Amino acid sequence: MNVFFDLIKSRTSANNYDPVRKLTDDEVAQLIHLATYAPSAFNFQNWKFVAVRSDTAKARLLPLAFNQPKVIDAAVTFIVCGTLEPHLALPATLKPSLDAGIIDEATYKGWVGAANNMYQENATLQRDEAVRSGAMAAMTLMLAAQSQGLVSCPMIGFDQAGVAAAFELLPGDVPVMLVTVGYPGAANWPQKPRRAVADVLSFA
């Protein structure tokens, strides 16, 4: 458990990357495999990832990320998306859990019905859920990267509409954030001090 504590405490938001060291297809896929273990409401798993790592794709992303050099230097920048209308895919997404006996038929039908009732006519809730799911997947991705000796950085400074157009995202794909991942360069900041627990915790 102490190893996991150290992992959390050692993670930083890196601005400097080694531009020479790359990640293989398998290494990128393994990071996303781990990211998909993030939680989501109803087990929607309503996230998608675009791995931007070719020189041409990085050049396309750079101006849309307000010319932040790390999208060029990092081995990969992930466009982390949450997806709208998650209730439509839920029957197929939940089926493996039903088939494996993790949930029973009543639970399966109950969740599908509840999700339809909650999300079908509620565009605001759909978007909120997309952002929640995308953010949790992004955090899991960053911890996965840290466990592999990599550094990462979440980025909200980008043109969402421009990224969606340039990378041909679907209308239901909500780009939640960019996450740069790679090997550390020089002069990254250490972990910055955190607020005291007493300042952020109350008991009810």
N, C-alpha and C. Protein backbone atom coordinates (compact mmCIF):
# COMPACT_ATOMS: atom_id res chain seq x y z
N MET A 1 0.82 -1.20 0.00
CA MET A 1 0.00 0.00 0.00
C MET A 1 0.86 1.26 0.00
N ASN A 2 2.01 1.21 0.70
CA ASN A 2 2.88 2.36 0.72
C ASN A 2 3.39 2.71 -0.66
N VAL A 3 3.55 1.70 -1.52
CA VAL A 3 3.98 1.95 -2.90
C VAL A 3 2.94 2.81 -3.61
N PHE A 4 1.67 2.51 -3.39
CA PHE A 4 0.61 3.30 -4.02
C PHE A 4 0.56 4.70 -3.45
N PHE A 5 0.77 4.83 -2.13
CA PHE A 5 0.81 6.16 -1.54
C PHE A 5 1.92 6.98 -2.18
N ASP A 6 3.09 6.36 -2.34
CA ASP A 6 4.23 7.07 -2.95
C ASP A 6 3.92 7.46 -4.39
N LEU A 7 3.21 6.58 -5.10
CA LEU A 7 2.83 6.86 -6.48
C LEU A 7 1.98 8.12 -6.56
N ILE A 8 0.98 8.21 -5.69
CA ILE A 8 0.10 9.37 -5.68
C ILE A 8 0.88 10.63 -5.32
N LYS A 9 1.70 10.53 -4.28
CA LYS A 9 2.40 11.71 -3.79
C LYS A 9 3.51 12.19 -4.72
N SER A 10 4.02 11.29 -5.55
CA SER A 10 5.14 11.67 -6.43
C SER A 10 4.68 12.21 -7.77
N ARG A 11 3.40 12.03 -8.11
CA ARG A 11 2.92 12.51 -9.40
C ARG A 11 2.95 14.03 -9.45
N THR A 12 3.45 14.56 -10.54
CA THR A 12 3.45 16.01 -10.76
C THR A 12 2.90 16.30 -12.15
N SER A 13 2.54 17.55 -12.36
CA SER A 13 2.13 17.98 -13.69
C SER A 13 3.37 18.49 -14.42
N ALA A 14 3.85 17.72 -15.36
CA ALA A 14 5.13 17.99 -16.01
C ALA A 14 4.97 18.93 -17.20
N ASN A 15 5.87 19.90 -17.29
CA ASN A 15 5.90 20.79 -18.44
C ASN A 15 7.04 20.45 -19.40
N ASN A 16 8.01 19.69 -18.93
CA ASN A 16 9.19 19.40 -19.74
C ASN A 16 9.34 17.90 -19.96
N TYR A 17 9.52 17.55 -21.24
CA TYR A 17 9.62 16.14 -21.64
C TYR A 17 10.88 15.93 -22.47
N ASP A 18 11.36 14.70 -22.43
CA ASP A 18 12.46 14.30 -23.30
C ASP A 18 11.88 14.06 -24.70
N PRO A 19 12.21 14.91 -25.68
CA PRO A 19 11.59 14.78 -27.00
C PRO A 19 12.10 13.60 -27.82
N VAL A 20 13.16 12.95 -27.34
CA VAL A 20 13.78 11.87 -28.10
C VAL A 20 13.12 10.53 -27.79
N ARG A 21 12.76 10.31 -26.55
CA ARG A 21 12.25 9.00 -26.13
C ARG A 21 10.77 8.86 -26.50
N LYS A 22 10.45 7.77 -27.14
CA LYS A 22 9.09 7.52 -27.65
C LYS A 22 8.43 6.38 -26.89
N LEU A 23 7.16 6.15 -27.19
CA LEU A 23 6.42 5.01 -26.66
C LEU A 23 5.96 4.15 -27.83
N THR A 24 5.99 2.85 -27.63
CA THR A 24 5.54 1.93 -28.68
C THR A 24 4.01 1.87 -28.69
N ASP A 25 3.47 1.28 -29.75
CA ASP A 25 2.02 1.08 -29.83
C ASP A 25 1.53 0.29 -28.61
N ASP A 26 2.26 -0.75 -28.24
CA ASP A 26 1.85 -1.58 -27.12
C ASP A 26 1.88 -0.81 -25.80
N GLU A 27 2.87 0.05 -25.64
CA GLU A 27 2.95 0.85 -24.41
C GLU A 27 1.80 1.85 -24.32
N VAL A 28 1.45 2.46 -25.44
CA VAL A 28 0.31 3.37 -25.46
C VAL A 28 -0.98 2.61 -25.16
N ALA A 29 -1.14 1.46 -25.80
CA ALA A 29 -2.34 0.65 -25.58
C ALA A 29 -2.45 0.18 -24.13
N GLN A 30 -1.32 -0.15 -23.51
CA GLN A 30 -1.34 -0.59 -22.12
C GLN A 30 -1.79 0.53 -21.20
N LEU A 31 -1.36 1.76 -21.46
CA LEU A 31 -1.81 2.89 -20.65
C LEU A 31 -3.32 3.06 -20.74
N ILE A 32 -3.85 2.95 -21.95
CA ILE A 32 -5.30 3.10 -22.11
C ILE A 32 -6.04 1.92 -21.51
N HIS A 33 -5.48 0.73 -21.62
CA HIS A 33 -6.08 -0.43 -20.97
C HIS A 33 -6.25 -0.18 -19.48
N LEU A 34 -5.23 0.37 -18.85
CA LEU A 34 -5.32 0.67 -17.42
C LEU A 34 -6.30 1.81 -17.15
N ALA A 35 -6.33 2.80 -18.04
CA ALA A 35 -7.25 3.93 -17.86
C ALA A 35 -8.70 3.48 -17.87
N THR A 36 -9.00 2.41 -18.61
CA THR A 36 -10.39 1.97 -18.72
C THR A 36 -10.88 1.27 -17.45
N TYR A 37 -10.02 1.12 -16.46
CA TYR A 37 -10.46 0.59 -15.18
C TYR A 37 -11.02 1.70 -14.27
N ALA A 38 -11.09 2.92 -14.78
CA ALA A 38 -11.71 4.01 -14.03
C ALA A 38 -13.19 3.71 -13.82
N PRO A 39 -13.78 4.25 -12.76
CA PRO A 39 -15.21 4.06 -12.53
C PRO A 39 -16.05 4.94 -13.44
N SER A 40 -17.29 4.52 -13.66
CA SER A 40 -18.26 5.34 -14.39
C SER A 40 -19.66 4.94 -13.95
N ALA A 41 -20.58 5.87 -14.00
CA ALA A 41 -21.96 5.61 -13.59
C ALA A 41 -22.54 4.47 -14.44
N PHE A 42 -23.25 3.55 -13.80
CA PHE A 42 -23.85 2.40 -14.48
C PHE A 42 -22.84 1.55 -15.23
N ASN A 43 -21.54 1.76 -14.98
CA ASN A 43 -20.49 1.13 -15.77
C ASN A 43 -20.62 1.52 -17.25
N PHE A 44 -20.99 2.79 -17.50
CA PHE A 44 -21.14 3.29 -18.86
C PHE A 44 -19.86 3.12 -19.68
N GLN A 45 -18.72 3.36 -19.05
CA GLN A 45 -17.43 3.37 -19.76
C GLN A 45 -17.51 4.32 -20.97
N ASN A 46 -18.11 5.46 -20.75
CA ASN A 46 -18.37 6.40 -21.86
C ASN A 46 -17.19 7.35 -22.04
N TRP A 47 -16.10 6.78 -22.52
CA TRP A 47 -14.89 7.55 -22.80
C TRP A 47 -14.27 7.08 -24.11
N LYS A 48 -13.50 7.95 -24.69
CA LYS A 48 -12.72 7.64 -25.90
C LYS A 48 -11.40 8.39 -25.80
N PHE A 49 -10.38 7.87 -26.48
CA PHE A 49 -9.05 8.46 -26.42
C PHE A 49 -8.47 8.54 -27.83
N VAL A 50 -7.87 9.66 -28.15
CA VAL A 50 -7.10 9.80 -29.38
C VAL A 50 -5.65 10.02 -28.97
N ALA A 51 -4.75 9.14 -29.42
CA ALA A 51 -3.33 9.24 -29.08
C ALA A 51 -2.61 10.03 -30.18
N VAL A 52 -2.27 11.26 -29.87
CA VAL A 52 -1.60 12.14 -30.83
C VAL A 52 -0.10 11.99 -30.64
N ARG A 53 0.57 11.36 -31.61
CA ARG A 53 2.00 11.15 -31.42
C ARG A 53 2.83 11.25 -32.70
N SER A 54 2.21 11.22 -33.87
CA SER A 54 3.00 11.42 -35.09
C SER A 54 3.38 12.90 -35.19
N ASP A 55 4.45 13.18 -35.93
CA ASP A 55 4.89 14.57 -36.08
C ASP A 55 3.82 15.42 -36.74
N THR A 56 3.13 14.86 -37.73
CA THR A 56 2.10 15.65 -38.42
C THR A 56 0.91 15.92 -37.51
N ALA A 57 0.51 14.92 -36.72
CA ALA A 57 -0.61 15.12 -35.81
C ALA A 57 -0.25 16.11 -34.70
N LYS A 58 0.99 16.03 -34.20
CA LYS A 58 1.42 16.98 -33.19
C LYS A 58 1.42 18.40 -33.73
N ALA A 59 1.86 18.57 -34.97
CA ALA A 59 1.87 19.89 -35.59
C ALA A 59 0.45 20.43 -35.75
N ARG A 60 -0.50 19.54 -36.02
CA ARG A 60 -1.89 19.94 -36.14
C ARG A 60 -2.46 20.36 -34.78
N LEU A 61 -2.03 19.67 -33.72
CA LEU A 61 -2.54 19.96 -32.39
C LEU A 61 -1.93 21.22 -31.78
N LEU A 62 -0.67 21.51 -32.11
CA LEU A 62 0.06 22.59 -31.44
C LEU A 62 -0.70 23.91 -31.40
N PRO A 63 -1.15 24.48 -32.52
CA PRO A 63 -1.86 25.76 -32.42
C PRO A 63 -3.18 25.66 -31.68
N LEU A 64 -3.80 24.48 -31.71
CA LEU A 64 -5.07 24.28 -31.00
C LEU A 64 -4.86 24.15 -29.49
N ALA A 65 -3.61 23.86 -29.09
CA ALA A 65 -3.24 23.82 -27.68
C ALA A 65 -2.49 25.10 -27.31
N PHE A 66 -2.77 26.16 -28.05
CA PHE A 66 -2.21 27.49 -27.78
C PHE A 66 -0.69 27.48 -27.75
N ASN A 67 -0.11 26.65 -28.65
CA ASN A 67 1.34 26.60 -28.87
C ASN A 67 2.14 26.22 -27.62
N GLN A 68 1.59 25.35 -26.81
CA GLN A 68 2.32 24.86 -25.64
C GLN A 68 3.30 23.78 -26.10
N PRO A 69 4.61 23.99 -25.91
CA PRO A 69 5.61 23.09 -26.48
C PRO A 69 5.49 21.64 -26.04
N LYS A 70 4.90 21.39 -24.88
CA LYS A 70 4.87 20.01 -24.39
C LYS A 70 4.08 19.07 -25.29
N VAL A 71 3.15 19.59 -26.09
CA VAL A 71 2.43 18.67 -26.98
C VAL A 71 3.33 18.19 -28.12
N ILE A 72 4.41 18.90 -28.37
CA ILE A 72 5.40 18.45 -29.35
C ILE A 72 6.43 17.54 -28.71
N ASP A 73 6.89 17.92 -27.51
CA ASP A 73 7.98 17.19 -26.87
C ASP A 73 7.55 15.88 -26.22
N ALA A 74 6.32 15.83 -25.71
CA ALA A 74 5.85 14.60 -25.05
C ALA A 74 5.77 13.47 -26.06
N ALA A 75 5.93 12.26 -25.57
CA ALA A 75 5.84 11.10 -26.48
C ALA A 75 4.45 11.01 -27.10
N VAL A 76 3.43 11.35 -26.32
CA VAL A 76 2.06 11.27 -26.81
C VAL A 76 1.21 12.27 -26.04
N THR A 77 0.26 12.86 -26.73
CA THR A 77 -0.78 13.66 -26.08
C THR A 77 -2.11 12.97 -26.34
N PHE A 78 -2.78 12.61 -25.27
CA PHE A 78 -4.08 11.97 -25.40
C PHE A 78 -5.19 13.03 -25.40
N ILE A 79 -6.06 12.96 -26.39
CA ILE A 79 -7.30 13.71 -26.34
C ILE A 79 -8.29 12.81 -25.61
N VAL A 80 -8.63 13.19 -24.39
CA VAL A 80 -9.52 12.37 -23.56
C VAL A 80 -10.94 12.90 -23.72
N CYS A 81 -11.82 12.04 -24.19
CA CYS A 81 -13.20 12.43 -24.45
C CYS A 81 -14.16 11.64 -23.57
N GLY A 82 -15.23 12.29 -23.16
CA GLY A 82 -16.40 11.60 -22.66
C GLY A 82 -17.44 11.60 -23.77
N THR A 83 -18.35 10.65 -23.74
CA THR A 83 -19.31 10.55 -24.83
C THR A 83 -20.73 10.82 -24.32
N LEU A 84 -21.52 11.47 -25.18
CA LEU A 84 -22.91 11.76 -24.88
C LEU A 84 -23.78 10.53 -25.16
N GLU A 85 -25.01 10.61 -24.72
CA GLU A 85 -25.99 9.53 -24.90
C GLU A 85 -25.45 8.17 -24.45
N PRO A 86 -24.89 8.10 -23.26
CA PRO A 86 -24.29 6.83 -22.82
C PRO A 86 -25.33 5.73 -22.63
N HIS A 87 -26.58 6.11 -22.42
CA HIS A 87 -27.63 5.10 -22.21
C HIS A 87 -27.87 4.25 -23.44
N LEU A 88 -27.57 4.79 -24.63
CA LEU A 88 -27.83 4.02 -25.86
C LEU A 88 -26.91 2.80 -25.98
N ALA A 89 -25.69 2.94 -25.50
CA ALA A 89 -24.73 1.83 -25.59
C ALA A 89 -24.77 0.93 -24.37
N LEU A 90 -25.54 1.31 -23.34
CA LEU A 90 -25.48 0.58 -22.09
C LEU A 90 -25.90 -0.90 -22.21
N PRO A 91 -26.95 -1.25 -22.96
CA PRO A 91 -27.29 -2.68 -23.04
C PRO A 91 -26.12 -3.55 -23.51
N ALA A 92 -25.41 -3.11 -24.53
CA ALA A 92 -24.26 -3.88 -25.03
C ALA A 92 -23.10 -3.81 -24.05
N THR A 93 -22.90 -2.66 -23.40
CA THR A 93 -21.78 -2.51 -22.48
C THR A 93 -21.96 -3.38 -21.24
N LEU A 94 -23.20 -3.51 -20.77
CA LEU A 94 -23.47 -4.30 -19.58
C LEU A 94 -23.58 -5.81 -19.84
N LYS A 95 -23.78 -6.19 -21.09
CA LYS A 95 -24.02 -7.60 -21.43
C LYS A 95 -22.91 -8.53 -20.92
N PRO A 96 -21.63 -8.17 -21.07
CA PRO A 96 -20.59 -9.07 -20.54
C PRO A 96 -20.71 -9.30 -19.04
N SER A 97 -21.15 -8.28 -18.28
CA SER A 97 -21.33 -8.46 -16.84
C SER A 97 -22.49 -9.40 -16.55
N LEU A 98 -23.53 -9.30 -17.37
CA LEU A 98 -24.67 -10.22 -17.24
C LEU A 98 -24.24 -11.64 -17.58
N ASP A 99 -23.53 -11.79 -18.69
CA ASP A 99 -23.11 -13.12 -19.14
C ASP A 99 -22.16 -13.78 -18.13
N ALA A 100 -21.36 -12.96 -17.46
CA ALA A 100 -20.40 -13.51 -16.49
C ALA A 100 -21.04 -13.79 -15.14
N GLY A 101 -22.32 -13.43 -14.98
CA GLY A 101 -22.99 -13.67 -13.71
C GLY A 101 -22.67 -12.65 -12.64
N ILE A 102 -22.05 -11.54 -13.02
CA ILE A 102 -21.73 -10.48 -12.05
C ILE A 102 -22.99 -9.75 -11.64
N ILE A 103 -23.87 -9.50 -12.61
CA ILE A 103 -25.19 -8.94 -12.31
C ILE A 103 -26.24 -9.91 -12.85
N ASP A 104 -27.43 -9.87 -12.25
CA ASP A 104 -28.49 -10.76 -12.73
C ASP A 104 -29.39 -10.02 -13.73
N GLU A 105 -30.34 -10.74 -14.30
CA GLU A 105 -31.21 -10.18 -15.33
C GLU A 105 -32.02 -9.00 -14.81
N ALA A 106 -32.47 -9.09 -13.56
CA ALA A 106 -33.26 -7.99 -12.99
C ALA A 106 -32.43 -6.73 -12.85
N THR A 107 -31.19 -6.89 -12.40
CA THR A 107 -30.30 -5.73 -12.27
C THR A 107 -29.99 -5.14 -13.63
N TYR A 108 -29.72 -6.02 -14.59
CA TYR A 108 -29.44 -5.58 -15.96
C TYR A 108 -30.58 -4.73 -16.50
N LYS A 109 -31.78 -5.24 -16.43
CA LYS A 109 -32.94 -4.51 -16.95
C LYS A 109 -33.21 -3.25 -16.13
N GLY A 110 -32.98 -3.33 -14.83
CA GLY A 110 -33.21 -2.17 -13.98
C GLY A 110 -32.26 -1.03 -14.29
N TRP A 111 -30.98 -1.36 -14.50
CA TRP A 111 -30.01 -0.32 -14.82
C TRP A 111 -30.27 0.29 -16.19
N VAL A 112 -30.58 -0.54 -17.15
CA VAL A 112 -30.86 -0.02 -18.50
C VAL A 112 -32.08 0.90 -18.45
N GLY A 113 -33.12 0.48 -17.75
CA GLY A 113 -34.31 1.32 -17.65
C GLY A 113 -34.05 2.62 -16.91
N ALA A 114 -33.33 2.54 -15.81
CA ALA A 114 -33.02 3.74 -15.03
C ALA A 114 -32.17 4.72 -15.83
N ALA A 115 -31.18 4.20 -16.54
CA ALA A 115 -30.32 5.07 -17.35
C ALA A 115 -31.12 5.76 -18.45
N ASN A 116 -32.00 5.03 -19.10
CA ASN A 116 -32.84 5.65 -20.13
C ASN A 116 -33.69 6.77 -19.54
N ASN A 117 -34.28 6.51 -18.38
CA ASN A 117 -35.12 7.53 -17.74
C ASN A 117 -34.32 8.76 -17.34
N MET A 118 -33.11 8.55 -16.87
CA MET A 118 -32.30 9.66 -16.37
C MET A 118 -31.68 10.50 -17.48
N TYR A 119 -31.20 9.86 -18.54
CA TYR A 119 -30.35 10.55 -19.50
C TYR A 119 -31.02 10.87 -20.83
N GLN A 120 -32.06 10.14 -21.20
CA GLN A 120 -32.59 10.24 -22.56
C GLN A 120 -33.00 11.65 -22.93
N GLU A 121 -33.67 12.35 -22.04
CA GLU A 121 -34.16 13.70 -22.34
C GLU A 121 -33.39 14.77 -21.58
N ASN A 122 -32.21 14.46 -21.11
CA ASN A 122 -31.47 15.39 -20.26
C ASN A 122 -30.08 15.64 -20.82
N ALA A 123 -29.98 16.61 -21.73
CA ALA A 123 -28.70 16.91 -22.37
C ALA A 123 -27.66 17.40 -21.37
N THR A 124 -28.12 18.15 -20.36
CA THR A 124 -27.18 18.66 -19.36
C THR A 124 -26.56 17.52 -18.57
N LEU A 125 -27.37 16.56 -18.15
CA LEU A 125 -26.84 15.42 -17.40
C LEU A 125 -25.92 14.58 -18.28
N GLN A 126 -26.25 14.44 -19.54
CA GLN A 126 -25.37 13.70 -20.45
C GLN A 126 -23.99 14.35 -20.52
N ARG A 127 -23.97 15.67 -20.64
CA ARG A 127 -22.68 16.35 -20.73
C ARG A 127 -21.94 16.27 -19.40
N ASP A 128 -22.66 16.45 -18.30
CA ASP A 128 -22.01 16.32 -16.99
C ASP A 128 -21.39 14.93 -16.84
N GLU A 129 -22.11 13.91 -17.28
CA GLU A 129 -21.60 12.54 -17.16
C GLU A 129 -20.39 12.33 -18.05
N ALA A 130 -20.41 12.91 -19.24
CA ALA A 130 -19.26 12.80 -20.15
C ALA A 130 -18.02 13.41 -19.51
N VAL A 131 -18.19 14.57 -18.87
CA VAL A 131 -17.04 15.24 -18.24
C VAL A 131 -16.56 14.43 -17.03
N ARG A 132 -17.51 13.94 -16.23
CA ARG A 132 -17.11 13.14 -15.07
C ARG A 132 -16.33 11.90 -15.50
N SER A 133 -16.88 11.16 -16.47
CA SER A 133 -16.23 9.92 -16.90
C SER A 133 -14.88 10.20 -17.53
N GLY A 134 -14.81 11.22 -18.38
CA GLY A 134 -13.54 11.57 -19.00
C GLY A 134 -12.49 11.98 -17.99
N ALA A 135 -12.91 12.75 -16.97
CA ALA A 135 -11.96 13.21 -15.95
C ALA A 135 -11.44 12.04 -15.11
N MET A 136 -12.32 11.11 -14.75
CA MET A 136 -11.86 9.97 -13.96
C MET A 136 -10.93 9.08 -14.78
N ALA A 137 -11.24 8.90 -16.05
CA ALA A 137 -10.35 8.12 -16.90
C ALA A 137 -9.00 8.81 -17.07
N ALA A 138 -9.02 10.14 -17.17
CA ALA A 138 -7.77 10.89 -17.32
C ALA A 138 -6.89 10.75 -16.08
N MET A 139 -7.50 10.82 -14.89
CA MET A 139 -6.71 10.67 -13.67
C MET A 139 -6.13 9.27 -13.57
N THR A 140 -6.92 8.26 -13.93
CA THR A 140 -6.41 6.89 -13.91
C THR A 140 -5.27 6.73 -14.91
N LEU A 141 -5.40 7.36 -16.06
CA LEU A 141 -4.34 7.33 -17.07
C LEU A 141 -3.05 7.94 -16.52
N MET A 142 -3.15 9.06 -15.83
CA MET A 142 -1.95 9.71 -15.30
C MET A 142 -1.29 8.86 -14.22
N LEU A 143 -2.08 8.21 -13.37
CA LEU A 143 -1.49 7.32 -12.38
C LEU A 143 -0.84 6.10 -13.05
N ALA A 144 -1.47 5.59 -14.10
CA ALA A 144 -0.87 4.49 -14.85
C ALA A 144 0.47 4.91 -15.44
N ALA A 145 0.53 6.10 -15.99
CA ALA A 145 1.79 6.61 -16.54
C ALA A 145 2.86 6.73 -15.46
N GLN A 146 2.47 7.25 -14.31
CA GLN A 146 3.42 7.40 -13.21
C GLN A 146 3.98 6.05 -12.79
N SER A 147 3.15 5.03 -12.80
CA SER A 147 3.59 3.69 -12.39
C SER A 147 4.60 3.10 -13.38
N GLN A 148 4.61 3.62 -14.61
CA GLN A 148 5.53 3.13 -15.64
C GLN A 148 6.80 3.97 -15.76
N GLY A 149 7.01 4.87 -14.80
CA GLY A 149 8.19 5.73 -14.84
C GLY A 149 8.05 6.90 -15.79
N LEU A 150 6.83 7.19 -16.19
CA LEU A 150 6.56 8.31 -17.10
C LEU A 150 6.00 9.49 -16.30
N VAL A 151 5.99 10.64 -16.95
CA VAL A 151 5.36 11.82 -16.36
C VAL A 151 4.20 12.25 -17.25
N SER A 152 3.35 13.09 -16.70
CA SER A 152 2.14 13.48 -17.44
C SER A 152 1.70 14.86 -17.01
N CYS A 153 0.74 15.39 -17.76
CA CYS A 153 0.17 16.69 -17.40
C CYS A 153 -1.24 16.81 -17.99
N PRO A 154 -2.24 17.12 -17.16
CA PRO A 154 -3.57 17.40 -17.69
C PRO A 154 -3.60 18.83 -18.24
N MET A 155 -4.26 19.02 -19.36
CA MET A 155 -4.30 20.34 -20.01
C MET A 155 -5.74 20.70 -20.33
N ILE A 156 -6.17 21.86 -19.80
CA ILE A 156 -7.49 22.39 -20.18
C ILE A 156 -7.34 23.56 -21.14
N GLY A 157 -6.10 23.96 -21.40
CA GLY A 157 -5.85 25.09 -22.30
C GLY A 157 -5.77 24.63 -23.74
N PHE A 158 -6.95 24.46 -24.37
CA PHE A 158 -6.99 24.07 -25.78
C PHE A 158 -8.33 24.47 -26.37
N ASP A 159 -8.37 24.54 -27.66
CA ASP A 159 -9.59 24.91 -28.41
C ASP A 159 -10.42 23.65 -28.62
N GLN A 160 -11.47 23.50 -27.82
CA GLN A 160 -12.25 22.27 -27.88
C GLN A 160 -12.87 22.05 -29.26
N ALA A 161 -13.49 23.08 -29.79
CA ALA A 161 -14.15 22.94 -31.09
C ALA A 161 -13.11 22.68 -32.17
N GLY A 162 -11.97 23.36 -32.09
CA GLY A 162 -10.92 23.16 -33.07
C GLY A 162 -10.35 21.76 -33.03
N VAL A 163 -10.14 21.22 -31.83
CA VAL A 163 -9.63 19.86 -31.68
C VAL A 163 -10.65 18.86 -32.23
N ALA A 164 -11.92 19.08 -31.92
CA ALA A 164 -12.96 18.17 -32.40
C ALA A 164 -12.98 18.12 -33.93
N ALA A 165 -12.82 19.29 -34.57
CA ALA A 165 -12.83 19.35 -36.03
C ALA A 165 -11.56 18.75 -36.62
N ALA A 166 -10.40 19.12 -36.05
CA ALA A 166 -9.12 18.71 -36.62
C ALA A 166 -8.89 17.21 -36.50
N PHE A 167 -9.47 16.59 -35.48
CA PHE A 167 -9.24 15.17 -35.27
C PHE A 167 -10.50 14.34 -35.51
N GLU A 168 -11.45 14.96 -36.20
CA GLU A 168 -12.66 14.29 -36.69
C GLU A 168 -13.39 13.53 -35.59
N LEU A 169 -13.56 14.19 -34.44
CA LEU A 169 -14.35 13.60 -33.38
C LEU A 169 -15.81 13.55 -33.80
N LEU A 170 -16.54 12.61 -33.26
CA LEU A 170 -17.96 12.49 -33.56
C LEU A 170 -18.74 13.57 -32.80
N PRO A 171 -19.95 13.90 -33.26
CA PRO A 171 -20.74 14.94 -32.57
C PRO A 171 -20.97 14.64 -31.09
N GLY A 172 -21.02 13.37 -30.73
CA GLY A 172 -21.24 13.00 -29.34
C GLY A 172 -19.98 12.88 -28.50
N ASP A 173 -18.82 13.16 -29.08
CA ASP A 173 -17.55 13.09 -28.35
C ASP A 173 -17.24 14.45 -27.74
N VAL A 174 -17.10 14.51 -26.43
CA VAL A 174 -16.81 15.76 -25.72
C VAL A 174 -15.34 15.74 -25.31
N PRO A 175 -14.48 16.57 -25.92
CA PRO A 175 -13.07 16.59 -25.50
C PRO A 175 -12.95 17.24 -24.11
N VAL A 176 -12.67 16.42 -23.12
CA VAL A 176 -12.66 16.88 -21.73
C VAL A 176 -11.34 17.54 -21.37
N MET A 177 -10.25 16.93 -21.78
CA MET A 177 -8.93 17.50 -21.52
C MET A 177 -7.91 16.81 -22.41
N LEU A 178 -6.75 17.41 -22.51
CA LEU A 178 -5.58 16.78 -23.11
C LEU A 178 -4.71 16.27 -21.98
N VAL A 179 -4.04 15.15 -22.20
CA VAL A 179 -3.08 14.63 -21.22
C VAL A 179 -1.80 14.29 -21.96
N THR A 180 -0.75 15.04 -21.67
CA THR A 180 0.56 14.73 -22.23
C THR A 180 1.22 13.65 -21.39
N VAL A 181 1.92 12.73 -22.06
CA VAL A 181 2.60 11.63 -21.37
C VAL A 181 3.95 11.39 -22.06
N GLY A 182 4.96 11.16 -21.27
CA GLY A 182 6.26 10.84 -21.84
C GLY A 182 7.31 10.72 -20.76
N TYR A 183 8.57 10.68 -21.21
CA TYR A 183 9.68 10.62 -20.27
C TYR A 183 10.08 12.03 -19.85
N PRO A 184 10.48 12.21 -18.60
CA PRO A 184 10.74 13.57 -18.12
C PRO A 184 11.95 14.21 -18.77
N GLY A 185 11.82 15.51 -19.02
CA GLY A 185 12.94 16.33 -19.42
C GLY A 185 13.55 16.98 -18.20
N ALA A 186 14.34 18.01 -18.43
CA ALA A 186 15.00 18.69 -17.32
C ALA A 186 14.08 19.75 -16.72
N ALA A 187 14.32 20.06 -15.45
CA ALA A 187 13.74 21.24 -14.79
C ALA A 187 12.24 21.19 -14.59
N ASN A 188 11.69 20.01 -14.41
CA ASN A 188 10.30 19.95 -13.97
C ASN A 188 10.21 20.31 -12.50
N TRP A 189 9.13 20.96 -12.12
CA TRP A 189 8.93 21.29 -10.72
C TRP A 189 8.71 20.03 -9.88
N PRO A 190 9.13 20.08 -8.61
CA PRO A 190 8.75 18.99 -7.71
C PRO A 190 7.27 19.11 -7.34
N GLN A 191 6.77 18.14 -6.60
CA GLN A 191 5.39 18.19 -6.14
C GLN A 191 5.17 19.46 -5.30
N LYS A 192 4.17 20.24 -5.67
CA LYS A 192 3.88 21.47 -4.94
C LYS A 192 3.10 21.15 -3.66
N PRO A 193 3.32 21.92 -2.59
CA PRO A 193 2.62 21.64 -1.32
C PRO A 193 1.11 21.66 -1.49
N ARG A 194 0.45 20.80 -0.74
CA ARG A 194 -1.00 20.69 -0.75
C ARG A 194 -1.61 21.41 0.45
N ARG A 195 -2.86 21.83 0.30
CA ARG A 195 -3.57 22.44 1.42
C ARG A 195 -3.73 21.42 2.55
N ALA A 196 -3.82 21.92 3.76
CA ALA A 196 -3.96 21.05 4.92
C ALA A 196 -5.31 20.32 4.87
N VAL A 197 -5.32 19.08 5.34
CA VAL A 197 -6.55 18.31 5.36
C VAL A 197 -7.64 19.04 6.12
N ALA A 198 -7.28 19.71 7.20
CA ALA A 198 -8.26 20.44 8.00
C ALA A 198 -8.95 21.54 7.23
N ASP A 199 -8.30 22.03 6.16
CA ASP A 199 -8.90 23.10 5.36
C ASP A 199 -9.91 22.57 4.35
N VAL A 200 -9.87 21.29 4.07
CA VAL A 200 -10.73 20.75 3.00
C VAL A 200 -11.67 19.64 3.47
N LEU A 201 -11.55 19.24 4.73
CA LEU A 201 -12.34 18.13 5.23
C LEU A 201 -13.26 18.58 6.35
N SER A 202 -14.53 18.18 6.25
CA SER A 202 -15.46 18.35 7.37
C SER A 202 -16.18 17.04 7.58
N PHE A 203 -16.69 16.83 8.75
CA PHE A 203 -17.41 15.60 9.09
C PHE A 203 -18.87 15.93 9.34
N ALA A 204 -19.77 15.08 8.88
CA ALA A 204 -21.20 15.31 9.08
C ALA A 204 -21.80 14.15 9.87
